[in-house]
Amino acid sequence: MNTEIYVHSGGLFDPISPDPDMILIEDIAHALAHQCRFAGHCQRYYSVAEHSVYVSQMIAKDYPDDHRLQLTALMHDASEAYLVDVPRPIKQMLPQYIMAEIKLMSVIAAKFGFQWPLPKAIHQADRKALRFEIHQLIHKGSGAEMVADPIRKVKAQFLSEFNRITKNLV
């Protein structure tokens, strides 16, 4: 079975048998900026990239000197650039997806030098972000407190956050 997909940088990538040399931060930023969270069921477009930047900034606030943890936060959903964002209740029904996600995340983490499996602080920040996002983007009905950014701006913001963090890593 051919499991290759086309990527933004112009080539084929196999997320089931990932080649680290084919994993580019630009492809990750591009794909995550184009994927809407909550399977699109929010009051405004809110991308996985926006969520990732938000979690990274939450971690940066709590751990200002831990750049590796900040990078881990930014990249915690990086596999979704290749496997897409699947809502958690559905994902739990897809054991092969979960296995592919774990394998791909371990390759991405090794390539970019972030922690995998994800540490407790990332899980906590992700859950806190999720509660806020659900409140602002679904239950509250407007997301007015969350600024909507066009896809290109979000992609640039993701890359800027990546560059800010990685320049401080040794």
N, C-alpha and C. Protein backbone atom coordinates (compact mmCIF):
# COMPACT_ATOMS: atom_id res chain seq x y z
N MET A 1 0.84 -1.17 0.00
CA MET A 1 0.00 0.00 0.00
C MET A 1 0.89 1.25 0.00
N ASN A 2 0.61 2.16 -0.89
CA ASN A 2 1.36 3.42 -0.97
C ASN A 2 0.76 4.39 0.05
N THR A 3 1.58 4.86 0.96
CA THR A 3 1.09 5.78 2.00
C THR A 3 1.73 7.17 1.88
N GLU A 4 2.29 7.47 0.72
CA GLU A 4 2.92 8.78 0.52
C GLU A 4 1.85 9.85 0.28
N ILE A 5 2.17 11.05 0.75
CA ILE A 5 1.30 12.20 0.51
C ILE A 5 2.14 13.32 -0.10
N TYR A 6 1.48 14.19 -0.84
CA TYR A 6 2.17 15.37 -1.36
C TYR A 6 2.27 16.41 -0.25
N VAL A 7 3.41 17.09 -0.18
CA VAL A 7 3.61 18.13 0.82
C VAL A 7 3.83 19.47 0.15
N HIS A 8 3.65 20.51 0.91
CA HIS A 8 3.70 21.88 0.39
C HIS A 8 5.02 22.20 -0.30
N SER A 9 6.11 21.70 0.23
CA SER A 9 7.43 22.02 -0.34
C SER A 9 7.64 21.37 -1.71
N GLY A 10 6.73 20.52 -2.09
CA GLY A 10 6.77 19.93 -3.41
C GLY A 10 7.45 18.59 -3.43
N GLY A 11 6.89 17.63 -2.95
CA GLY A 11 7.47 16.30 -2.96
C GLY A 11 6.51 15.34 -2.31
N LEU A 12 6.96 14.14 -2.16
CA LEU A 12 6.16 13.11 -1.51
C LEU A 12 6.78 12.78 -0.17
N PHE A 13 5.93 12.53 0.81
CA PHE A 13 6.37 12.18 2.16
C PHE A 13 5.52 11.01 2.63
N ASP A 14 6.17 10.05 3.24
CA ASP A 14 5.45 8.89 3.76
C ASP A 14 5.36 9.00 5.28
N PRO A 15 4.19 9.40 5.81
CA PRO A 15 4.06 9.55 7.26
C PRO A 15 4.07 8.23 8.02
N ILE A 16 3.92 7.10 7.30
CA ILE A 16 3.93 5.80 7.95
C ILE A 16 5.37 5.27 8.08
N SER A 17 6.21 5.62 7.12
CA SER A 17 7.64 5.29 7.16
C SER A 17 8.43 6.58 6.95
N PRO A 18 8.43 7.44 7.96
CA PRO A 18 8.96 8.80 7.77
C PRO A 18 10.48 8.86 7.61
N ASP A 19 10.90 9.65 6.64
CA ASP A 19 12.31 9.96 6.41
C ASP A 19 12.57 11.32 7.05
N PRO A 20 13.40 11.39 8.09
CA PRO A 20 13.63 12.68 8.78
C PRO A 20 14.11 13.78 7.84
N ASP A 21 14.85 13.44 6.80
CA ASP A 21 15.35 14.45 5.87
C ASP A 21 14.22 15.12 5.08
N MET A 22 13.08 14.48 5.02
CA MET A 22 11.95 15.02 4.27
C MET A 22 11.03 15.87 5.16
N ILE A 23 11.31 15.92 6.44
CA ILE A 23 10.47 16.68 7.37
C ILE A 23 11.02 18.10 7.46
N LEU A 24 10.23 19.05 7.01
CA LEU A 24 10.65 20.46 6.99
C LEU A 24 9.73 21.29 7.87
N ILE A 25 10.32 22.20 8.64
CA ILE A 25 9.52 23.05 9.51
C ILE A 25 8.54 23.89 8.70
N GLU A 26 8.92 24.28 7.50
CA GLU A 26 8.02 25.07 6.64
C GLU A 26 6.78 24.27 6.26
N ASP A 27 6.94 22.98 5.98
CA ASP A 27 5.78 22.13 5.67
C ASP A 27 4.89 21.97 6.89
N ILE A 28 5.50 21.82 8.05
CA ILE A 28 4.72 21.67 9.28
C ILE A 28 3.93 22.95 9.53
N ALA A 29 4.59 24.10 9.47
CA ALA A 29 3.90 25.38 9.71
C ALA A 29 2.78 25.59 8.70
N HIS A 30 3.06 25.30 7.44
CA HIS A 30 2.06 25.50 6.39
C HIS A 30 0.82 24.63 6.62
N ALA A 31 1.05 23.34 6.84
CA ALA A 31 -0.07 22.42 7.01
C ALA A 31 -0.88 22.73 8.27
N LEU A 32 -0.19 23.00 9.38
CA LEU A 32 -0.91 23.28 10.62
C LEU A 32 -1.70 24.58 10.54
N ALA A 33 -1.18 25.55 9.80
CA ALA A 33 -1.90 26.83 9.62
C ALA A 33 -3.16 26.64 8.79
N HIS A 34 -3.18 25.62 7.96
CA HIS A 34 -4.33 25.39 7.09
C HIS A 34 -5.37 24.43 7.68
N GLN A 35 -5.11 23.88 8.88
CA GLN A 35 -6.04 22.93 9.49
C GLN A 35 -6.81 23.59 10.62
N CYS A 36 -8.12 23.55 10.52
CA CYS A 36 -8.98 24.13 11.55
C CYS A 36 -9.17 23.13 12.69
N ARG A 37 -9.06 23.63 13.91
CA ARG A 37 -9.30 22.81 15.10
C ARG A 37 -10.78 22.47 15.21
N PHE A 38 -11.09 21.51 16.06
CA PHE A 38 -12.45 21.10 16.37
C PHE A 38 -13.21 20.63 15.13
N ALA A 39 -12.49 20.04 14.18
CA ALA A 39 -13.08 19.56 12.93
C ALA A 39 -13.87 20.67 12.23
N GLY A 40 -13.45 21.91 12.47
CA GLY A 40 -14.09 23.06 11.84
C GLY A 40 -15.33 23.56 12.56
N HIS A 41 -15.68 22.97 13.69
CA HIS A 41 -16.91 23.33 14.39
C HIS A 41 -16.68 24.42 15.43
N CYS A 42 -16.15 25.53 15.00
CA CYS A 42 -15.97 26.68 15.88
C CYS A 42 -16.54 27.91 15.18
N GLN A 43 -16.68 28.96 15.95
CA GLN A 43 -17.34 30.16 15.43
C GLN A 43 -16.48 30.97 14.47
N ARG A 44 -15.20 30.72 14.47
CA ARG A 44 -14.29 31.34 13.52
C ARG A 44 -13.18 30.35 13.23
N TYR A 45 -12.49 30.56 12.14
CA TYR A 45 -11.39 29.66 11.79
C TYR A 45 -10.30 29.77 12.85
N TYR A 46 -9.93 28.66 13.41
CA TYR A 46 -8.89 28.61 14.44
C TYR A 46 -8.01 27.41 14.11
N SER A 47 -6.79 27.68 13.71
CA SER A 47 -5.92 26.62 13.19
C SER A 47 -5.15 25.90 14.29
N VAL A 48 -4.66 24.73 13.91
CA VAL A 48 -3.79 23.95 14.78
C VAL A 48 -2.51 24.75 15.05
N ALA A 49 -2.04 25.51 14.06
CA ALA A 49 -0.84 26.34 14.26
C ALA A 49 -1.09 27.41 15.33
N GLU A 50 -2.26 28.06 15.30
CA GLU A 50 -2.59 29.05 16.33
C GLU A 50 -2.59 28.39 17.70
N HIS A 51 -3.21 27.23 17.79
CA HIS A 51 -3.25 26.49 19.05
C HIS A 51 -1.83 26.17 19.52
N SER A 52 -0.97 25.74 18.62
CA SER A 52 0.40 25.36 18.97
C SER A 52 1.19 26.56 19.49
N VAL A 53 1.03 27.70 18.83
CA VAL A 53 1.70 28.93 19.28
C VAL A 53 1.17 29.32 20.65
N TYR A 54 -0.14 29.22 20.84
CA TYR A 54 -0.76 29.56 22.12
C TYR A 54 -0.19 28.69 23.25
N VAL A 55 -0.10 27.39 23.03
CA VAL A 55 0.44 26.48 24.05
C VAL A 55 1.91 26.80 24.31
N SER A 56 2.66 27.09 23.26
CA SER A 56 4.07 27.45 23.42
C SER A 56 4.23 28.72 24.25
N GLN A 57 3.38 29.69 24.01
CA GLN A 57 3.45 30.95 24.76
C GLN A 57 3.03 30.75 26.21
N MET A 58 2.08 29.84 26.45
CA MET A 58 1.71 29.53 27.83
C MET A 58 2.91 28.93 28.57
N ILE A 59 3.59 28.02 27.92
CA ILE A 59 4.77 27.38 28.53
C ILE A 59 5.88 28.41 28.72
N ALA A 60 6.07 29.29 27.74
CA ALA A 60 7.11 30.33 27.85
C ALA A 60 6.85 31.24 29.05
N LYS A 61 5.59 31.49 29.34
CA LYS A 61 5.24 32.34 30.48
C LYS A 61 5.59 31.63 31.80
N ASP A 62 5.31 30.33 31.87
CA ASP A 62 5.57 29.57 33.10
C ASP A 62 7.01 29.08 33.23
N TYR A 63 7.67 28.88 32.08
CA TYR A 63 9.04 28.36 32.06
C TYR A 63 9.88 29.21 31.10
N PRO A 64 10.13 30.48 31.45
CA PRO A 64 10.78 31.40 30.50
C PRO A 64 12.18 31.01 30.07
N ASP A 65 12.89 30.22 30.85
CA ASP A 65 14.25 29.84 30.50
C ASP A 65 14.36 28.43 29.90
N ASP A 66 13.24 27.73 29.82
CA ASP A 66 13.27 26.36 29.31
C ASP A 66 12.84 26.35 27.84
N HIS A 67 13.79 26.65 26.97
CA HIS A 67 13.50 26.75 25.54
C HIS A 67 13.18 25.39 24.92
N ARG A 68 13.75 24.34 25.43
CA ARG A 68 13.44 23.00 24.92
C ARG A 68 11.97 22.66 25.21
N LEU A 69 11.50 23.01 26.40
CA LEU A 69 10.09 22.77 26.75
C LEU A 69 9.18 23.65 25.89
N GLN A 70 9.59 24.87 25.63
CA GLN A 70 8.81 25.75 24.75
C GLN A 70 8.72 25.17 23.34
N LEU A 71 9.83 24.64 22.83
CA LEU A 71 9.84 24.00 21.52
C LEU A 71 8.93 22.77 21.53
N THR A 72 8.98 22.01 22.59
CA THR A 72 8.11 20.84 22.71
C THR A 72 6.65 21.27 22.65
N ALA A 73 6.33 22.35 23.33
CA ALA A 73 4.96 22.86 23.31
C ALA A 73 4.55 23.29 21.89
N LEU A 74 5.43 24.00 21.22
CA LEU A 74 5.12 24.46 19.86
C LEU A 74 4.91 23.27 18.93
N MET A 75 5.68 22.23 19.10
CA MET A 75 5.67 21.09 18.18
C MET A 75 4.79 19.94 18.64
N HIS A 76 4.03 20.12 19.72
CA HIS A 76 3.30 18.99 20.30
C HIS A 76 2.27 18.36 19.37
N ASP A 77 1.81 19.07 18.36
CA ASP A 77 0.87 18.51 17.38
C ASP A 77 1.48 18.43 15.99
N ALA A 78 2.80 18.42 15.89
CA ALA A 78 3.48 18.48 14.59
C ALA A 78 3.11 17.32 13.67
N SER A 79 2.84 16.16 14.21
CA SER A 79 2.49 15.02 13.36
C SER A 79 1.21 15.28 12.57
N GLU A 80 0.36 16.17 13.08
CA GLU A 80 -0.89 16.47 12.41
C GLU A 80 -0.66 17.20 11.08
N ALA A 81 0.54 17.70 10.87
CA ALA A 81 0.87 18.29 9.57
C ALA A 81 0.83 17.23 8.48
N TYR A 82 1.04 16.00 8.85
CA TYR A 82 1.08 14.90 7.88
C TYR A 82 -0.07 13.91 8.07
N LEU A 83 -0.61 13.81 9.27
CA LEU A 83 -1.67 12.85 9.56
C LEU A 83 -3.02 13.52 9.79
N VAL A 84 -3.08 14.81 9.76
CA VAL A 84 -4.25 15.68 9.98
C VAL A 84 -4.73 15.63 11.43
N ASP A 85 -5.45 16.67 11.79
CA ASP A 85 -6.00 16.80 13.13
C ASP A 85 -7.29 15.99 13.22
N VAL A 86 -7.26 14.95 14.03
CA VAL A 86 -8.44 14.12 14.24
C VAL A 86 -8.95 14.40 15.65
N PRO A 87 -10.23 14.74 15.80
CA PRO A 87 -10.76 14.99 17.15
C PRO A 87 -10.50 13.81 18.08
N ARG A 88 -10.12 14.12 19.30
CA ARG A 88 -9.69 13.11 20.29
C ARG A 88 -10.67 11.93 20.43
N PRO A 89 -11.99 12.16 20.53
CA PRO A 89 -12.88 11.00 20.68
C PRO A 89 -12.82 10.05 19.49
N ILE A 90 -12.64 10.58 18.30
CA ILE A 90 -12.54 9.74 17.11
C ILE A 90 -11.18 9.05 17.06
N LYS A 91 -10.13 9.81 17.41
CA LYS A 91 -8.77 9.26 17.39
C LYS A 91 -8.67 8.01 18.26
N GLN A 92 -9.37 8.00 19.39
CA GLN A 92 -9.30 6.85 20.29
C GLN A 92 -9.87 5.59 19.66
N MET A 93 -10.64 5.74 18.58
CA MET A 93 -11.21 4.59 17.88
C MET A 93 -10.29 4.09 16.76
N LEU A 94 -9.15 4.75 16.59
CA LEU A 94 -8.25 4.46 15.47
C LEU A 94 -6.87 4.04 15.96
N PRO A 95 -6.72 2.82 16.45
CA PRO A 95 -5.42 2.42 17.01
C PRO A 95 -4.27 2.49 16.00
N GLN A 96 -4.52 2.22 14.74
CA GLN A 96 -3.44 2.31 13.75
C GLN A 96 -3.00 3.76 13.56
N TYR A 97 -3.95 4.69 13.61
CA TYR A 97 -3.61 6.11 13.53
C TYR A 97 -2.73 6.48 14.72
N ILE A 98 -3.12 6.06 15.90
CA ILE A 98 -2.34 6.38 17.11
C ILE A 98 -0.92 5.82 17.00
N MET A 99 -0.78 4.62 16.50
CA MET A 99 0.56 4.02 16.34
C MET A 99 1.38 4.82 15.33
N ALA A 100 0.76 5.23 14.22
CA ALA A 100 1.46 6.03 13.21
C ALA A 100 1.84 7.38 13.79
N GLU A 101 0.96 7.97 14.59
CA GLU A 101 1.23 9.27 15.21
C GLU A 101 2.41 9.17 16.17
N ILE A 102 2.45 8.14 16.98
CA ILE A 102 3.54 7.96 17.94
C ILE A 102 4.88 7.80 17.20
N LYS A 103 4.88 6.98 16.18
CA LYS A 103 6.11 6.76 15.40
C LYS A 103 6.57 8.05 14.73
N LEU A 104 5.64 8.75 14.09
CA LEU A 104 5.99 9.98 13.39
C LEU A 104 6.46 11.05 14.37
N MET A 105 5.79 11.18 15.50
CA MET A 105 6.21 12.17 16.50
C MET A 105 7.61 11.87 17.03
N SER A 106 7.95 10.60 17.19
CA SER A 106 9.30 10.28 17.68
C SER A 106 10.35 10.69 16.65
N VAL A 107 10.05 10.54 15.36
CA VAL A 107 10.99 10.95 14.31
C VAL A 107 11.09 12.48 14.25
N ILE A 108 9.95 13.16 14.33
CA ILE A 108 9.95 14.64 14.30
C ILE A 108 10.69 15.18 15.52
N ALA A 109 10.43 14.60 16.69
CA ALA A 109 11.10 15.05 17.92
C ALA A 109 12.61 14.87 17.83
N ALA A 110 13.05 13.74 17.31
CA ALA A 110 14.49 13.50 17.16
C ALA A 110 15.10 14.50 16.19
N LYS A 111 14.39 14.80 15.12
CA LYS A 111 14.92 15.74 14.12
C LYS A 111 15.07 17.14 14.70
N PHE A 112 14.05 17.62 15.42
CA PHE A 112 14.06 19.00 15.90
C PHE A 112 14.54 19.15 17.34
N GLY A 113 14.77 18.05 18.02
CA GLY A 113 15.34 18.10 19.36
C GLY A 113 14.39 18.51 20.46
N PHE A 114 13.15 18.06 20.38
CA PHE A 114 12.23 18.33 21.49
C PHE A 114 11.87 17.02 22.19
N GLN A 115 11.20 17.15 23.32
CA GLN A 115 10.94 16.01 24.19
C GLN A 115 9.78 15.15 23.66
N TRP A 116 10.02 13.87 23.60
CA TRP A 116 8.98 12.90 23.25
C TRP A 116 9.26 11.62 24.00
N PRO A 117 8.32 11.04 24.65
CA PRO A 117 6.94 11.46 24.79
C PRO A 117 6.81 12.83 25.48
N LEU A 118 5.67 13.43 25.28
CA LEU A 118 5.45 14.77 25.83
C LEU A 118 5.46 14.74 27.35
N PRO A 119 6.14 15.71 27.96
CA PRO A 119 6.15 15.78 29.43
C PRO A 119 4.81 16.28 29.98
N LYS A 120 4.64 16.05 31.25
CA LYS A 120 3.40 16.40 31.95
C LYS A 120 3.03 17.88 31.76
N ALA A 121 4.01 18.76 31.81
CA ALA A 121 3.73 20.20 31.68
C ALA A 121 3.05 20.53 30.35
N ILE A 122 3.42 19.82 29.29
CA ILE A 122 2.80 20.06 27.98
C ILE A 122 1.37 19.55 27.98
N HIS A 123 1.14 18.37 28.53
CA HIS A 123 -0.23 17.84 28.61
C HIS A 123 -1.13 18.79 29.41
N GLN A 124 -0.59 19.33 30.51
CA GLN A 124 -1.38 20.24 31.33
C GLN A 124 -1.70 21.53 30.58
N ALA A 125 -0.71 22.10 29.90
CA ALA A 125 -0.93 23.33 29.14
C ALA A 125 -1.89 23.08 27.98
N ASP A 126 -1.76 21.94 27.33
CA ASP A 126 -2.65 21.60 26.21
C ASP A 126 -4.09 21.48 26.69
N ARG A 127 -4.30 20.83 27.83
CA ARG A 127 -5.67 20.70 28.38
C ARG A 127 -6.23 22.06 28.79
N LYS A 128 -5.38 22.90 29.39
CA LYS A 128 -5.81 24.24 29.79
C LYS A 128 -6.19 25.06 28.54
N ALA A 129 -5.37 24.97 27.51
CA ALA A 129 -5.67 25.67 26.25
C ALA A 129 -6.97 25.15 25.66
N LEU A 130 -7.15 23.84 25.67
CA LEU A 130 -8.37 23.24 25.12
C LEU A 130 -9.61 23.77 25.82
N ARG A 131 -9.59 23.82 27.15
CA ARG A 131 -10.75 24.34 27.90
C ARG A 131 -11.05 25.79 27.50
N PHE A 132 -10.01 26.61 27.41
CA PHE A 132 -10.18 28.02 27.03
C PHE A 132 -10.72 28.12 25.61
N GLU A 133 -10.14 27.35 24.69
CA GLU A 133 -10.55 27.40 23.29
C GLU A 133 -12.00 26.96 23.12
N ILE A 134 -12.39 25.90 23.82
CA ILE A 134 -13.79 25.44 23.73
C ILE A 134 -14.71 26.53 24.25
N HIS A 135 -14.35 27.13 25.37
CA HIS A 135 -15.18 28.21 25.93
C HIS A 135 -15.29 29.38 24.96
N GLN A 136 -14.17 29.81 24.41
CA GLN A 136 -14.15 30.99 23.55
C GLN A 136 -14.69 30.73 22.14
N LEU A 137 -14.41 29.56 21.60
CA LEU A 137 -14.70 29.32 20.19
C LEU A 137 -15.95 28.50 19.93
N ILE A 138 -16.45 27.84 20.95
CA ILE A 138 -17.63 27.00 20.73
C ILE A 138 -18.77 27.43 21.65
N HIS A 139 -18.60 27.30 22.96
CA HIS A 139 -19.70 27.58 23.89
C HIS A 139 -20.08 29.05 23.94
N LYS A 140 -19.09 29.91 23.97
CA LYS A 140 -19.37 31.34 24.06
C LYS A 140 -19.93 31.86 22.74
N GLY A 141 -19.52 31.23 21.67
CA GLY A 141 -20.15 31.52 20.39
C GLY A 141 -19.49 32.53 19.50
N SER A 142 -18.42 33.20 19.94
CA SER A 142 -17.85 34.20 19.04
C SER A 142 -16.34 34.09 18.91
N GLY A 143 -15.69 33.76 19.98
CA GLY A 143 -14.22 33.76 19.94
C GLY A 143 -13.69 35.18 19.88
N ALA A 144 -14.50 36.14 20.30
CA ALA A 144 -14.11 37.55 20.19
C ALA A 144 -12.85 37.87 20.97
N GLU A 145 -12.62 37.15 22.07
CA GLU A 145 -11.42 37.41 22.86
C GLU A 145 -10.18 36.84 22.19
N MET A 146 -10.37 36.02 21.18
CA MET A 146 -9.26 35.41 20.46
C MET A 146 -9.21 36.04 19.08
N VAL A 147 -8.11 36.65 18.77
CA VAL A 147 -7.97 37.38 17.52
C VAL A 147 -7.82 36.40 16.36
N ALA A 148 -8.64 36.57 15.34
CA ALA A 148 -8.56 35.73 14.15
C ALA A 148 -7.40 36.20 13.28
N ASP A 149 -6.51 35.30 12.96
CA ASP A 149 -5.38 35.64 12.10
C ASP A 149 -5.51 34.90 10.78
N PRO A 150 -5.27 35.60 9.67
CA PRO A 150 -5.29 34.91 8.38
C PRO A 150 -4.23 33.81 8.35
N ILE A 151 -4.44 32.84 7.51
CA ILE A 151 -3.57 31.67 7.45
C ILE A 151 -2.10 32.05 7.25
N ARG A 152 -1.82 32.97 6.33
CA ARG A 152 -0.41 33.34 6.09
C ARG A 152 0.22 33.95 7.33
N LYS A 153 -0.55 34.75 8.05
CA LYS A 153 -0.03 35.38 9.26
C LYS A 153 0.25 34.33 10.34
N VAL A 154 -0.64 33.37 10.47
CA VAL A 154 -0.46 32.30 11.46
C VAL A 154 0.77 31.46 11.12
N LYS A 155 0.93 31.14 9.84
CA LYS A 155 2.10 30.38 9.41
C LYS A 155 3.37 31.14 9.77
N ALA A 156 3.40 32.44 9.47
CA ALA A 156 4.57 33.26 9.79
C ALA A 156 4.78 33.33 11.30
N GLN A 157 3.70 33.41 12.06
CA GLN A 157 3.80 33.46 13.52
C GLN A 157 4.39 32.15 14.05
N PHE A 158 3.95 31.02 13.51
CA PHE A 158 4.49 29.71 13.91
C PHE A 158 5.98 29.65 13.63
N LEU A 159 6.39 30.04 12.44
CA LEU A 159 7.81 30.02 12.08
C LEU A 159 8.62 30.99 12.93
N SER A 160 8.05 32.15 13.23
CA SER A 160 8.73 33.13 14.08
C SER A 160 8.94 32.57 15.48
N GLU A 161 7.92 31.90 16.01
CA GLU A 161 8.01 31.29 17.34
C GLU A 161 9.08 30.18 17.32
N PHE A 162 9.09 29.38 16.28
CA PHE A 162 10.10 28.33 16.13
C PHE A 162 11.50 28.95 16.13
N ASN A 163 11.70 29.99 15.35
CA ASN A 163 13.02 30.64 15.27
C ASN A 163 13.41 31.29 16.59
N ARG A 164 12.45 31.92 17.28
CA ARG A 164 12.73 32.54 18.58
C ARG A 164 13.22 31.50 19.57
N ILE A 165 12.54 30.37 19.60
CA ILE A 165 12.89 29.33 20.56
C ILE A 165 14.22 28.67 20.19
N THR A 166 14.38 28.26 18.95
CA THR A 166 15.55 27.48 18.58
C THR A 166 16.84 28.27 18.59
N LYS A 167 16.77 29.59 18.45
CA LYS A 167 18.01 30.37 18.53
C LYS A 167 18.58 30.34 19.93
N ASN A 168 17.74 30.01 20.93
CA ASN A 168 18.21 29.96 22.31
C ASN A 168 18.63 28.56 22.75
N LEU A 169 18.48 27.58 21.87
CA LEU A 169 18.91 26.22 22.20
C LEU A 169 20.38 26.05 21.88
N VAL A 170 21.05 25.29 22.70
CA VAL A 170 22.47 25.05 22.48
C VAL A 170 22.68 23.67 21.92
